[in-house]
Structures are given as structure tokens and as C-alpha cells.
N, C-alpha and C. Protein backbone atom coordinates (compact mmCIF):
# COMPACT_ATOMS: atom_id res chain seq x y z
N MET A 1 129.64 -0.66 -79.61
CA MET A 1 131.02 -1.29 -79.40
C MET A 1 131.65 -1.36 -80.80
N LEU A 2 130.96 -1.89 -81.78
CA LEU A 2 131.54 -2.15 -83.09
C LEU A 2 131.93 -0.84 -83.61
N SER A 3 131.25 0.25 -83.58
CA SER A 3 131.66 1.52 -84.11
C SER A 3 132.94 1.99 -83.53
N LEU A 4 133.16 1.68 -82.21
CA LEU A 4 134.47 2.18 -81.76
C LEU A 4 135.67 1.43 -82.38
N LEU A 5 135.32 0.09 -82.72
CA LEU A 5 136.44 -0.57 -83.37
C LEU A 5 136.57 -0.29 -84.79
N GLU A 6 135.54 0.20 -85.35
CA GLU A 6 135.58 0.45 -86.88
C GLU A 6 136.30 1.95 -87.07
N SER A 7 136.36 2.78 -86.17
CA SER A 7 136.84 4.15 -86.39
C SER A 7 138.35 4.19 -86.76
N PRO A 8 139.29 3.50 -86.06
CA PRO A 8 140.70 3.61 -86.56
C PRO A 8 140.81 2.97 -87.89
N PHE A 9 140.12 1.87 -88.19
CA PHE A 9 140.32 1.25 -89.40
C PHE A 9 139.75 2.04 -90.51
N ALA A 10 138.68 2.91 -90.34
CA ALA A 10 138.07 3.90 -91.30
C ALA A 10 139.11 4.91 -91.48
N LEU A 11 139.74 5.40 -90.39
CA LEU A 11 140.70 6.42 -90.58
C LEU A 11 142.03 5.86 -91.44
N LEU A 12 142.38 4.58 -91.20
CA LEU A 12 143.48 4.18 -92.00
C LEU A 12 143.10 3.88 -93.41
N ASP A 13 141.83 3.55 -93.67
CA ASP A 13 141.58 3.36 -95.07
C ASP A 13 141.42 4.74 -95.70
N SER A 14 140.88 5.80 -94.98
CA SER A 14 140.89 7.09 -95.48
C SER A 14 142.36 7.61 -95.93
N MET A 15 143.28 7.24 -94.97
CA MET A 15 144.47 7.69 -95.12
C MET A 15 145.23 6.96 -96.27
N ARG A 16 144.85 5.67 -96.57
CA ARG A 16 145.37 5.04 -97.79
C ARG A 16 144.98 5.61 -99.05
N ARG A 17 143.80 6.24 -98.93
CA ARG A 17 143.23 6.82 -100.22
C ARG A 17 143.66 8.30 -100.48
N SER A 18 143.90 9.03 -99.32
CA SER A 18 144.28 10.48 -99.44
C SER A 18 145.60 10.78 -98.84
N LYS A 19 146.45 11.33 -99.79
CA LYS A 19 147.85 11.54 -99.34
C LYS A 19 147.79 12.78 -98.46
N THR A 20 146.91 13.71 -98.77
CA THR A 20 146.97 15.00 -98.03
C THR A 20 146.36 14.72 -96.55
N LEU A 21 145.48 13.81 -96.34
CA LEU A 21 145.18 13.43 -94.98
C LEU A 21 146.32 12.70 -94.21
N THR A 22 147.04 11.86 -94.96
CA THR A 22 148.07 11.27 -94.40
C THR A 22 149.06 12.27 -93.94
N ILE A 23 149.46 13.14 -94.60
CA ILE A 23 150.40 14.19 -94.41
C ILE A 23 150.03 14.98 -93.20
N MET A 24 148.66 15.42 -93.22
CA MET A 24 148.20 16.18 -92.03
C MET A 24 148.21 15.37 -90.78
N ILE A 25 147.93 14.13 -90.74
CA ILE A 25 147.99 13.38 -89.57
C ILE A 25 149.36 13.30 -89.18
N ILE A 26 150.28 13.11 -89.92
CA ILE A 26 151.73 12.94 -89.57
C ILE A 26 152.23 14.18 -88.85
N ILE A 27 151.83 15.35 -89.52
CA ILE A 27 152.33 16.63 -88.94
C ILE A 27 151.65 16.83 -87.63
N LEU A 28 150.42 16.40 -87.44
CA LEU A 28 149.80 16.66 -86.24
C LEU A 28 150.32 15.70 -85.09
N VAL A 29 150.72 14.56 -85.45
CA VAL A 29 151.38 13.54 -84.51
C VAL A 29 152.70 14.20 -84.01
N ILE A 30 153.45 14.67 -84.92
CA ILE A 30 154.78 15.40 -84.70
C ILE A 30 154.66 16.53 -83.85
N LEU A 31 153.72 17.40 -84.20
CA LEU A 31 153.31 18.57 -83.37
C LEU A 31 152.88 18.14 -81.85
N PHE A 32 152.12 17.24 -81.78
CA PHE A 32 151.59 16.82 -80.36
C PHE A 32 152.86 16.24 -79.73
N GLY A 33 153.69 15.48 -80.31
CA GLY A 33 154.80 14.80 -79.63
C GLY A 33 155.76 15.82 -79.31
N SER A 34 156.04 16.82 -79.97
CA SER A 34 157.00 17.96 -79.67
C SER A 34 156.51 18.73 -78.52
N PHE A 35 155.23 19.04 -78.55
CA PHE A 35 154.53 19.75 -77.55
C PHE A 35 154.84 19.13 -76.16
N PHE A 36 154.43 17.73 -76.18
CA PHE A 36 154.61 17.00 -74.86
C PHE A 36 156.00 16.91 -74.39
N LEU A 37 156.96 16.76 -75.33
CA LEU A 37 158.27 16.81 -75.02
C LEU A 37 158.77 18.10 -74.39
N PHE A 38 158.25 19.21 -74.93
CA PHE A 38 158.60 20.41 -74.48
C PHE A 38 158.02 20.63 -72.99
N LEU A 39 156.84 20.14 -72.77
CA LEU A 39 156.30 20.36 -71.47
C LEU A 39 156.99 19.42 -70.39
N TYR A 40 157.54 18.27 -70.90
CA TYR A 40 158.27 17.40 -70.12
C TYR A 40 159.59 18.02 -69.71
N TYR A 41 160.27 18.60 -70.77
CA TYR A 41 161.44 19.22 -70.48
C TYR A 41 161.29 20.50 -69.53
N MET A 42 160.30 21.23 -69.62
CA MET A 42 160.03 22.46 -68.73
C MET A 42 159.71 21.87 -67.45
N ALA A 43 159.03 20.86 -67.30
CA ALA A 43 158.73 20.36 -65.93
C ALA A 43 159.90 19.76 -65.27
N GLY A 44 160.97 19.31 -65.96
CA GLY A 44 162.14 18.80 -65.46
C GLY A 44 162.98 19.88 -65.07
N LYS A 45 162.94 21.13 -65.73
CA LYS A 45 163.78 22.27 -65.27
C LYS A 45 163.28 22.86 -64.01
N GLN A 46 161.96 22.59 -63.64
CA GLN A 46 161.46 23.23 -62.39
C GLN A 46 161.96 22.50 -61.19
N ALA A 47 162.16 21.17 -61.38
CA ALA A 47 162.41 20.41 -60.17
C ALA A 47 163.77 20.52 -59.60
């Protein structure tokens, strides 16, 4: 259980140290968000 709670904090700690990791995660979040918005938009056109 403790390892599940440590994971996000370990990621934040790594992001604080690495600018490249931070940029990669921001881009990944933007891409996933765009993809789900695209799917939502397409599903709305079907109805």
C-alpha cells in the first residue's frame, strides 16, 4: 500500500530534477487530452 502512495511523489520528485521528463509528461497529458476530446467530439457527431 505504501508503494502505491510513494509512486506519484517519486514522479513529482523526478520531474523537479529533470526538465526533459517534465516536458515529456506535459506533452503526453496534452496528447491524451486531445485524443479524448477528439473521441468525445466524434461520438457527439454520431448521435
